[in-house]
Amino acid sequence: MSRVCELTGKKAMVGNNVSHAMNKTKRKFNANLIKKRFFIPETGEWITLKVATSALKTINKIGISAALEESRKKGIYTK
């Protein structure tokens, strides 16, 4: 499975390591992802999602059901 947040769509970015001598080498900035189980009260089931830690703040604020619905509208979450 790729390193992409299932709710926000955040994924790795590319950039450069820059040394003191201004030499540049490619590097990757990975998203801060965790695997987390959520309980959906409407359906009474548990789901496991790979989400960014910044998405957890959104889930705590608006709830998992609203976050899933918002992600579906954006076309990111398709389950």
C-alpha atoms as a PDB file:
ATOM      1  CA  MET A   1       0.000   0.000   0.000  1.00  0.00           C
ATOM      2  CA  SER A   2       1.294   3.436  -0.877  1.00  0.00           C
ATOM      3  CA  ARG A   3       2.100   6.204   1.580  1.00  0.00           C
ATOM      4  CA  VAL A   4      -1.033   8.256   0.957  1.00  0.00           C
ATOM      5  CA  CYS A   5      -3.558   9.487   3.520  1.00  0.00           C
ATOM      6  CA  GLU A   6      -6.922   7.858   2.785  1.00  0.00           C
ATOM      7  CA  LEU A   7      -8.884  10.906   3.986  1.00  0.00           C
ATOM      8  CA  THR A   8      -6.925  13.930   2.826  1.00  0.00           C
ATOM      9  CA  GLY A   9      -4.887  12.500  -0.046  1.00  0.00           C
ATOM     10  CA  LYS A  10      -1.616  13.783   1.397  1.00  0.00           C
ATOM     11  CA  LYS A  11       1.415  12.027  -0.064  1.00  0.00           C
ATOM     12  CA  ALA A  12       5.184  12.337  -0.289  1.00  0.00           C
ATOM     13  CA  MET A  13       6.747  15.491  -1.734  1.00  0.00           C
ATOM     14  CA  VAL A  14      10.184  15.749  -3.301  1.00  0.00           C
ATOM     15  CA  GLY A  15      12.819  18.347  -2.592  1.00  0.00           C
ATOM     16  CA  ASN A  16      16.519  18.780  -2.073  1.00  0.00           C
ATOM     17  CA  ASN A  17      18.997  18.215   0.713  1.00  0.00           C
ATOM     18  CA  VAL A  18      21.171  21.332   0.593  1.00  0.00           C
ATOM     19  CA  SER A  19      24.647  21.124   2.094  1.00  0.00           C
ATOM     20  CA  HIS A  20      26.686  24.023   3.454  1.00  0.00           C
ATOM     21  CA  ALA A  21      28.495  24.094   0.107  1.00  0.00           C
ATOM     22  CA  MET A  22      25.070  24.397  -1.600  1.00  0.00           C
ATOM     23  CA  ASN A  23      25.312  20.913  -3.141  1.00  0.00           C
ATOM     24  CA  LYS A  24      21.829  19.604  -3.813  1.00  0.00           C
ATOM     25  CA  THR A  25      20.712  15.967  -3.685  1.00  0.00           C
ATOM     26  CA  LYS A  26      17.146  14.733  -4.097  1.00  0.00           C
ATOM     27  CA  ARG A  27      15.187  13.657  -1.036  1.00  0.00           C
ATOM     28  CA  LYS A  28      11.637  12.778  -0.106  1.00  0.00           C
ATOM     29  CA  PHE A  29       9.348  14.420   2.462  1.00  0.00           C
ATOM     30  CA  ASN A  30       6.984  11.627   3.533  1.00  0.00           C
ATOM     31  CA  ALA A  31       3.566  12.342   5.024  1.00  0.00           C
ATOM     32  CA  ASN A  32       3.226  11.615   8.746  1.00  0.00           C
ATOM     33  CA  LEU A  33       0.894   8.601   8.479  1.00  0.00           C
ATOM     34  CA  ILE A  34      -0.470   6.211  11.082  1.00  0.00           C
ATOM     35  CA  LYS A  35      -2.725   3.183  10.813  1.00  0.00           C
ATOM     36  CA  LYS A  36      -5.813   3.733  12.991  1.00  0.00           C
ATOM     37  CA  ARG A  37      -9.113   1.954  13.641  1.00  0.00           C
ATOM     38  CA  PHE A  38     -12.294   4.021  13.787  1.00  0.00           C
ATOM     39  CA  PHE A  39     -15.785   3.037  14.941  1.00  0.00           C
ATOM     40  CA  ILE A  40     -18.636   4.209  12.700  1.00  0.00           C
ATOM     41  CA  PRO A  41     -21.681   4.581  14.984  1.00  0.00           C
ATOM     42  CA  GLU A  42     -24.203   4.805  12.112  1.00  0.00           C
ATOM     43  CA  THR A  43     -23.293   1.374  10.716  1.00  0.00           C
ATOM     44  CA  GLY A  44     -21.942  -0.122  13.948  1.00  0.00           C
ATOM     45  CA  GLU A  45     -18.706  -1.318  12.342  1.00  0.00           C
ATOM     46  CA  TRP A  46     -14.985  -0.690  12.692  1.00  0.00           C
ATOM     47  CA  ILE A  47     -12.814   0.479   9.782  1.00  0.00           C
ATOM     48  CA  THR A  48      -9.029   0.709   9.564  1.00  0.00           C
ATOM     49  CA  LEU A  49      -7.604   3.713   7.760  1.00  0.00           C
ATOM     50  CA  LYS A  50      -4.099   4.969   7.051  1.00  0.00           C
ATOM     51  CA  VAL A  51      -4.441   8.658   7.918  1.00  0.00           C
ATOM     52  CA  ALA A  52      -2.153  11.637   8.366  1.00  0.00           C
ATOM     53  CA  THR A  53      -1.817  12.871  11.920  1.00  0.00           C
ATOM     54  CA  SER A  54      -3.167  16.240  10.786  1.00  0.00           C
ATOM     55  CA  ALA A  55      -6.327  14.423   9.647  1.00  0.00           C
ATOM     56  CA  LEU A  56      -6.788  13.105  13.201  1.00  0.00           C
ATOM     57  CA  LYS A  57      -7.318  16.675  14.406  1.00  0.00           C
ATOM     58  CA  THR A  58     -10.043  17.099  11.782  1.00  0.00           C
ATOM     59  CA  ILE A  59     -11.672  13.809  12.795  1.00  0.00           C
ATOM     60  CA  ASN A  60     -11.666  14.865  16.456  1.00  0.00           C
ATOM     61  CA  LYS A  61     -13.245  18.178  15.508  1.00  0.00           C
ATOM     62  CA  ILE A  62     -15.981  17.172  13.033  1.00  0.00           C
ATOM     63  CA  GLY A  63     -16.293  13.416  13.616  1.00  0.00           C
ATOM     64  CA  ILE A  64     -15.355  10.392  11.538  1.00  0.00           C
ATOM     65  CA  SER A  65     -18.644  10.225   9.623  1.00  0.00           C
ATOM     66  CA  ALA A  66     -18.431  13.853   8.483  1.00  0.00           C
ATOM     67  CA  ALA A  67     -14.750  13.447   7.584  1.00  0.00           C
ATOM     68  CA  LEU A  68     -15.508  10.370   5.456  1.00  0.00           C
ATOM     69  CA  GLU A  69     -18.380  12.157   3.709  1.00  0.00           C
ATOM     70  CA  GLU A  70     -16.200  15.192   2.972  1.00  0.00           C
ATOM     71  CA  SER A  71     -13.488  12.921   1.592  1.00  0.00           C
ATOM     72  CA  ARG A  72     -16.018  11.118  -0.621  1.00  0.00           C
ATOM     73  CA  LYS A  73     -17.208  14.449  -2.055  1.00  0.00           C
ATOM     74  CA  LYS A  74     -13.613  15.313  -2.974  1.00  0.00           C
ATOM     75  CA  GLY A  75     -13.194  11.883  -4.588  1.00  0.00           C
ATOM     76  CA  ILE A  76     -10.393  10.721  -2.297  1.00  0.00           C
ATOM     77  CA  TYR A  77     -12.142   8.046  -0.195  1.00  0.00           C
ATOM     78  CA  THR A  78     -14.032   5.567  -2.386  1.00  0.00           C
ATOM     79  CA  LYS A  79     -14.948   2.662  -0.073  1.00  0.00           C
END
